[in-house]
Amino acid sequence: MNLLPRQDRRYLEGRSITVREVVEGAKKGVILTGIMLPEGKYQVAQADILILLPPSYPEIGPDMFYA
């Protein structure tokens, strides 16, 4: 499954960000795993970030994410 365009995938790989693509029913998204958070701001040092992709992605960019 390739939800992300090649350019987006290269961008993330170039920054050593691990990505999992997920599909649940009609919803599609990507999970960025192990994202480092600012030190001292949160109770954890890193988190997984779920970015929901709109149906017309990549023409319309994502506007929602969950940690």
PDB file of N, CA and C in Angstrom:
ATOM      1  N   MET A   1       0.853  -1.172   0.000  1.00  0.00           N
ATOM      2  CA  MET A   1       0.000   0.000   0.000  1.00  0.00           C
ATOM      3  C   MET A   1       0.894   1.229   0.000  1.00  0.00           C
ATOM      4  N   ASN A   2       0.631   2.165  -0.872  1.00  0.00           N
ATOM      5  CA  ASN A   2       1.384   3.411  -0.938  1.00  0.00           C
ATOM      6  C   ASN A   2       0.422   4.585  -0.912  1.00  0.00           C
ATOM      7  N   LEU A   3       0.159   5.092   0.278  1.00  0.00           N
ATOM      8  CA  LEU A   3      -0.728   6.238   0.420  1.00  0.00           C
ATOM      9  C   LEU A   3       0.001   7.543   0.159  1.00  0.00           C
ATOM     10  N   LEU A   4       1.300   7.558   0.453  1.00  0.00           N
ATOM     11  CA  LEU A   4       2.082   8.782   0.304  1.00  0.00           C
ATOM     12  C   LEU A   4       2.741   8.849  -1.070  1.00  0.00           C
ATOM     13  N   PRO A   5       2.749  10.044  -1.659  1.00  0.00           N
ATOM     14  CA  PRO A   5       3.503  10.216  -2.900  1.00  0.00           C
ATOM     15  C   PRO A   5       4.997   9.991  -2.645  1.00  0.00           C
ATOM     16  N   ARG A   6       5.703   9.635  -3.678  1.00  0.00           N
ATOM     17  CA  ARG A   6       7.137   9.347  -3.575  1.00  0.00           C
ATOM     18  C   ARG A   6       7.906  10.501  -2.934  1.00  0.00           C
ATOM     19  N   GLN A   7       7.581  11.733  -3.301  1.00  0.00           N
ATOM     20  CA  GLN A   7       8.275  12.903  -2.751  1.00  0.00           C
ATOM     21  C   GLN A   7       8.097  12.988  -1.231  1.00  0.00           C
ATOM     22  N   ASP A   8       6.896  12.745  -0.734  1.00  0.00           N
ATOM     23  CA  ASP A   8       6.649  12.775   0.709  1.00  0.00           C
ATOM     24  C   ASP A   8       7.402  11.653   1.412  1.00  0.00           C
ATOM     25  N   ARG A   9       7.400  10.486   0.794  1.00  0.00           N
ATOM     26  CA  ARG A   9       8.094   9.334   1.371  1.00  0.00           C
ATOM     27  C   ARG A   9       9.594   9.609   1.468  1.00  0.00           C
ATOM     28  N   ARG A  10      10.173  10.180   0.402  1.00  0.00           N
ATOM     29  CA  ARG A  10      11.609  10.517   0.420  1.00  0.00           C
ATOM     30  C   ARG A  10      11.926  11.548   1.485  1.00  0.00           C
ATOM     31  N   TYR A  11      11.055  12.549   1.631  1.00  0.00           N
ATOM     32  CA  TYR A  11      11.253  13.576   2.653  1.00  0.00           C
ATOM     33  C   TYR A  11      11.349  12.936   4.039  1.00  0.00           C
ATOM     34  N   LEU A  12      10.413  12.073   4.367  1.00  0.00           N
ATOM     35  CA  LEU A  12      10.390  11.426   5.676  1.00  0.00           C
ATOM     36  C   LEU A  12      11.580  10.491   5.853  1.00  0.00           C
ATOM     37  N   GLU A  13      11.886   9.710   4.830  1.00  0.00           N
ATOM     38  CA  GLU A  13      13.033   8.803   4.907  1.00  0.00           C
ATOM     39  C   GLU A  13      14.327   9.578   5.090  1.00  0.00           C
ATOM     40  N   GLY A  14      14.447  10.727   4.436  1.00  0.00           N
ATOM     41  CA  GLY A  14      15.637  11.558   4.556  1.00  0.00           C
ATOM     42  C   GLY A  14      15.837  12.107   5.951  1.00  0.00           C
ATOM     43  N   ARG A  15      14.799  12.121   6.743  1.00  0.00           N
ATOM     44  CA  ARG A  15      14.866  12.588   8.124  1.00  0.00           C
ATOM     45  C   ARG A  15      14.779  11.433   9.118  1.00  0.00           C
ATOM     46  N   SER A  16      14.922  10.220   8.597  1.00  0.00           N
ATOM     47  CA  SER A  16      14.897   8.986   9.409  1.00  0.00           C
ATOM     48  C   SER A  16      13.618   8.849  10.223  1.00  0.00           C
ATOM     49  N   ILE A  17      12.497   9.259   9.631  1.00  0.00           N
ATOM     50  CA  ILE A  17      11.194   9.127  10.283  1.00  0.00           C
ATOM     51  C   ILE A  17      10.531   7.862   9.769  1.00  0.00           C
ATOM     52  N   THR A  18      10.199   6.957  10.693  1.00  0.00           N
ATOM     53  CA  THR A  18       9.545   5.703  10.339  1.00  0.00           C
ATOM     54  C   THR A  18       8.052   5.952  10.165  1.00  0.00           C
ATOM     55  N   VAL A  19       7.509   5.446   9.064  1.00  0.00           N
ATOM     56  CA  VAL A  19       6.102   5.687   8.725  1.00  0.00           C
ATOM     57  C   VAL A  19       5.389   4.356   8.535  1.00  0.00           C
ATOM     58  N   ARG A  20       4.176   4.280   9.102  1.00  0.00           N
ATOM     59  CA  ARG A  20       3.275   3.149   8.842  1.00  0.00           C
ATOM     60  C   ARG A  20       2.031   3.715   8.188  1.00  0.00           C
ATOM     61  N   GLU A  21       1.600   3.096   7.114  1.00  0.00           N
ATOM     62  CA  GLU A  21       0.379   3.516   6.448  1.00  0.00           C
ATOM     63  C   GLU A  21      -0.768   2.653   6.950  1.00  0.00           C
ATOM     64  N   VAL A  22      -1.900   3.276   7.243  1.00  0.00           N
ATOM     65  CA  VAL A  22      -3.044   2.546   7.796  1.00  0.00           C
ATOM     66  C   VAL A  22      -4.323   2.903   7.035  1.00  0.00           C
ATOM     67  N   VAL A  23      -5.175   1.895   6.902  1.00  0.00           N
ATOM     68  CA  VAL A  23      -6.501   2.082   6.307  1.00  0.00           C
ATOM     69  C   VAL A  23      -7.483   1.394   7.231  1.00  0.00           C
ATOM     70  N   GLU A  24      -8.499   2.136   7.637  1.00  0.00           N
ATOM     71  CA  GLU A  24      -9.559   1.580   8.474  1.00  0.00           C
ATOM     72  C   GLU A  24     -10.882   2.033   7.883  1.00  0.00           C
ATOM     73  N   GLY A  25     -11.561   1.123   7.224  1.00  0.00           N
ATOM     74  CA  GLY A  25     -12.789   1.493   6.532  1.00  0.00           C
ATOM     75  C   GLY A  25     -12.453   2.475   5.423  1.00  0.00           C
ATOM     76  N   ALA A  26     -13.152   3.602   5.401  1.00  0.00           N
ATOM     77  CA  ALA A  26     -12.911   4.620   4.382  1.00  0.00           C
ATOM     78  C   ALA A  26     -11.818   5.606   4.789  1.00  0.00           C
ATOM     79  N   LYS A  27     -11.318   5.501   6.016  1.00  0.00           N
ATOM     80  CA  LYS A  27     -10.306   6.446   6.503  1.00  0.00           C
ATOM     81  C   LYS A  27      -8.908   5.930   6.207  1.00  0.00           C
ATOM     82  N   LYS A  28      -8.053   6.856   5.765  1.00  0.00           N
ATOM     83  CA  LYS A  28      -6.664   6.530   5.472  1.00  0.00           C
ATOM     84  C   LYS A  28      -5.775   7.491   6.240  1.00  0.00           C
ATOM     85  N   GLY A  29      -4.621   6.989   6.646  1.00  0.00           N
ATOM     86  CA  GLY A  29      -3.701   7.843   7.370  1.00  0.00           C
ATOM     87  C   GLY A  29      -2.314   7.243   7.429  1.00  0.00           C
ATOM     88  N   VAL A  30      -1.414   8.013   8.008  1.00  0.00           N
ATOM     89  CA  VAL A  30      -0.051   7.548   8.236  1.00  0.00           C
ATOM     90  C   VAL A  30       0.290   7.776   9.703  1.00  0.00           C
ATOM     91  N   ILE A  31       1.087   6.881  10.239  1.00  0.00           N
ATOM     92  CA  ILE A  31       1.552   7.006  11.619  1.00  0.00           C
ATOM     93  C   ILE A  31       3.050   7.223  11.578  1.00  0.00           C
ATOM     94  N   LEU A  32       3.480   8.356  12.106  1.00  0.00           N
ATOM     95  CA  LEU A  32       4.905   8.643  12.249  1.00  0.00           C
ATOM     96  C   LEU A  32       5.293   8.100  13.615  1.00  0.00           C
ATOM     97  N   THR A  33       6.195   7.148  13.655  1.00  0.00           N
ATOM     98  CA  THR A  33       6.494   6.461  14.915  1.00  0.00           C
ATOM     99  C   THR A  33       7.738   7.028  15.587  1.00  0.00           C
ATOM    100  N   GLY A  34       7.658   7.124  16.900  1.00  0.00           N
ATOM    101  CA  GLY A  34       8.797   7.528  17.715  1.00  0.00           C
ATOM    102  C   GLY A  34       9.261   8.952  17.506  1.00  0.00           C
ATOM    103  N   ILE A  35       8.337   9.873  17.310  1.00  0.00           N
ATOM    104  CA  ILE A  35       8.704  11.279  17.112  1.00  0.00           C
ATOM    105  C   ILE A  35       9.146  11.875  18.453  1.00  0.00           C
ATOM    106  N   MET A  36      10.339  12.441  18.457  1.00  0.00           N
ATOM    107  CA  MET A  36      10.873  13.056  19.680  1.00  0.00           C
ATOM    108  C   MET A  36      10.105  14.342  19.980  1.00  0.00           C
ATOM    109  N   LEU A  37       9.741  14.522  21.243  1.00  0.00           N
ATOM    110  CA  LEU A  37       9.012  15.697  21.688  1.00  0.00           C
ATOM    111  C   LEU A  37       9.954  16.644  22.418  1.00  0.00           C
ATOM    112  N   PRO A  38       9.584  17.925  22.504  1.00  0.00           N
ATOM    113  CA  PRO A  38      10.440  18.873  23.217  1.00  0.00           C
ATOM    114  C   PRO A  38      10.658  18.435  24.664  1.00  0.00           C
ATOM    115  N   GLU A  39      11.885  18.487  25.090  1.00  0.00           N
ATOM    116  CA  GLU A  39      12.247  18.055  26.439  1.00  0.00           C
ATOM    117  C   GLU A  39      11.585  18.943  27.495  1.00  0.00           C
ATOM    118  N   GLY A  40      11.026  18.303  28.522  1.00  0.00           N
ATOM    119  CA  GLY A  40      10.421  19.025  29.635  1.00  0.00           C
ATOM    120  C   GLY A  40       9.013  19.532  29.400  1.00  0.00           C
ATOM    121  N   LYS A  41       8.460  19.317  28.231  1.00  0.00           N
ATOM    122  CA  LYS A  41       7.119  19.825  27.921  1.00  0.00           C
ATOM    123  C   LYS A  41       6.023  18.793  28.136  1.00  0.00           C
ATOM    124  N   TYR A  42       6.380  17.518  28.022  1.00  0.00           N
ATOM    125  CA  TYR A  42       5.392  16.457  28.092  1.00  0.00           C
ATOM    126  C   TYR A  42       5.846  15.388  29.076  1.00  0.00           C
ATOM    127  N   GLN A  43       4.957  14.467  29.392  1.00  0.00           N
ATOM    128  CA  GLN A  43       5.289  13.400  30.333  1.00  0.00           C
ATOM    129  C   GLN A  43       6.076  12.271  29.682  1.00  0.00           C
ATOM    130  N   VAL A  44       6.176  12.291  28.362  1.00  0.00           N
ATOM    131  CA  VAL A  44       6.926  11.268  27.628  1.00  0.00           C
ATOM    132  C   VAL A  44       7.934  11.957  26.705  1.00  0.00           C
ATOM    133  N   ALA A  45       8.976  11.231  26.346  1.00  0.00           N
ATOM    134  CA  ALA A  45      10.024  11.798  25.493  1.00  0.00           C
ATOM    135  C   ALA A  45       9.687  11.696  24.009  1.00  0.00           C
ATOM    136  N   GLN A  46       8.849  10.713  23.649  1.00  0.00           N
ATOM    137  CA  GLN A  46       8.489  10.542  22.248  1.00  0.00           C
ATOM    138  C   GLN A  46       7.064  10.034  22.122  1.00  0.00           C
ATOM    139  N   ALA A  47       6.497  10.212  20.924  1.00  0.00           N
ATOM    140  CA  ALA A  47       5.112   9.790  20.695  1.00  0.00           C
ATOM    141  C   ALA A  47       4.950   9.369  19.242  1.00  0.00           C
ATOM    142  N   ASP A  48       3.920   8.572  18.991  1.00  0.00           N
ATOM    143  CA  ASP A  48       3.517   8.252  17.634  1.00  0.00           C
ATOM    144  C   ASP A  48       2.472   9.278  17.224  1.00  0.00           C
ATOM    145  N   ILE A  49       2.560   9.752  15.988  1.00  0.00           N
ATOM    146  CA  ILE A  49       1.644  10.778  15.486  1.00  0.00           C
ATOM    147  C   ILE A  49       0.842  10.193  14.325  1.00  0.00           C
ATOM    148  N   LEU A  50      -0.481  10.211  14.457  1.00  0.00           N
ATOM    149  CA  LEU A  50      -1.380   9.758  13.394  1.00  0.00           C
ATOM    150  C   LEU A  50      -1.824  10.983  12.604  1.00  0.00           C
ATOM    151  N   ILE A  51      -1.582  10.957  11.306  1.00  0.00           N
ATOM    152  CA  ILE A  51      -2.032  12.027  10.417  1.00  0.00           C
ATOM    153  C   ILE A  51      -3.100  11.443   9.503  1.00  0.00           C
ATOM    154  N   LEU A  52      -4.324  11.972   9.616  1.00  0.00           N
ATOM    155  CA  LEU A  52      -5.412  11.520   8.753  1.00  0.00           C
ATOM    156  C   LEU A  52      -5.282  12.195   7.394  1.00  0.00           C
ATOM    157  N   LEU A  53      -5.411  11.403   6.337  1.00  0.00           N
ATOM    158  CA  LEU A  53      -5.294  11.937   4.980  1.00  0.00           C
ATOM    159  C   LEU A  53      -6.678  12.136   4.391  1.00  0.00           C
ATOM    160  N   PRO A  54      -6.951  13.334   3.867  1.00  0.00           N
ATOM    161  CA  PRO A  54      -8.260  13.555   3.250  1.00  0.00           C
ATOM    162  C   PRO A  54      -8.400  12.717   1.983  1.00  0.00           C
ATOM    163  N   PRO A  55      -9.632  12.416   1.574  1.00  0.00           N
ATOM    164  CA  PRO A  55      -9.843  11.569   0.394  1.00  0.00           C
ATOM    165  C   PRO A  55      -9.137  12.087  -0.865  1.00  0.00           C
ATOM    166  N   SER A  56      -8.983  13.390  -1.009  1.00  0.00           N
ATOM    167  CA  SER A  56      -8.359  13.946  -2.218  1.00  0.00           C
ATOM    168  C   SER A  56      -6.874  14.252  -2.034  1.00  0.00           C
ATOM    169  N   TYR A  57      -6.243  13.662  -1.001  1.00  0.00           N
ATOM    170  CA  TYR A  57      -4.808  13.829  -0.807  1.00  0.00           C
ATOM    171  C   TYR A  57      -4.073  13.212  -1.986  1.00  0.00           C
ATOM    172  N   PRO A  58      -3.073  13.831  -2.556  1.00  0.00           N
ATOM    173  CA  PRO A  58      -2.284  14.955  -2.083  1.00  0.00           C
ATOM    174  C   PRO A  58      -2.721  16.323  -2.617  1.00  0.00           C
ATOM    175  N   GLU A  59      -3.778  16.377  -3.428  1.00  0.00           N
ATOM    176  CA  GLU A  59      -4.228  17.680  -3.923  1.00  0.00           C
ATOM    177  C   GLU A  59      -4.634  18.602  -2.771  1.00  0.00           C
ATOM    178  N   ILE A  60      -5.219  18.026  -1.741  1.00  0.00           N
ATOM    179  CA  ILE A  60      -5.577  18.774  -0.526  1.00  0.00           C
ATOM    180  C   ILE A  60      -4.768  18.173   0.612  1.00  0.00           C
ATOM    181  N   GLY A  61      -4.061  19.032   1.336  1.00  0.00           N
ATOM    182  CA  GLY A  61      -3.191  18.562   2.406  1.00  0.00           C
ATOM    183  C   GLY A  61      -3.947  18.161   3.654  1.00  0.00           C
ATOM    184  N   PRO A  62      -3.300  17.382   4.512  1.00  0.00           N
ATOM    185  CA  PRO A  62      -3.918  16.979   5.776  1.00  0.00           C
ATOM    186  C   PRO A  62      -4.109  18.187   6.688  1.00  0.00           C
ATOM    187  N   ASP A  63      -5.135  18.122   7.516  1.00  0.00           N
ATOM    188  CA  ASP A  63      -5.373  19.215   8.462  1.00  0.00           C
ATOM    189  C   ASP A  63      -5.673  18.700   9.867  1.00  0.00           C
ATOM    190  N   MET A  64      -5.355  17.425  10.131  1.00  0.00           N
ATOM    191  CA  MET A  64      -5.687  16.850  11.421  1.00  0.00           C
ATOM    192  C   MET A  64      -4.625  15.832  11.782  1.00  0.00           C
ATOM    193  N   PHE A  65      -4.202  15.863  13.044  1.00  0.00           N
ATOM    194  CA  PHE A  65      -3.292  14.813  13.524  1.00  0.00           C
ATOM    195  C   PHE A  65      -3.604  14.517  14.975  1.00  0.00           C
ATOM    196  N   TYR A  66      -3.190  13.342  15.418  1.00  0.00           N
ATOM    197  CA  TYR A  66      -3.411  12.903  16.785  1.00  0.00           C
ATOM    198  C   TYR A  66      -2.102  12.371  17.344  1.00  0.00           C
ATOM    199  N   ALA A  67      -1.850  12.647  18.609  1.00  0.00           N
ATOM    200  CA  ALA A  67      -0.645  12.122  19.274  1.00  0.00           C
ATOM    201  C   ALA A  67      -1.057  11.051  20.255  1.00  0.00           C
TER     202      ALA A  67
END
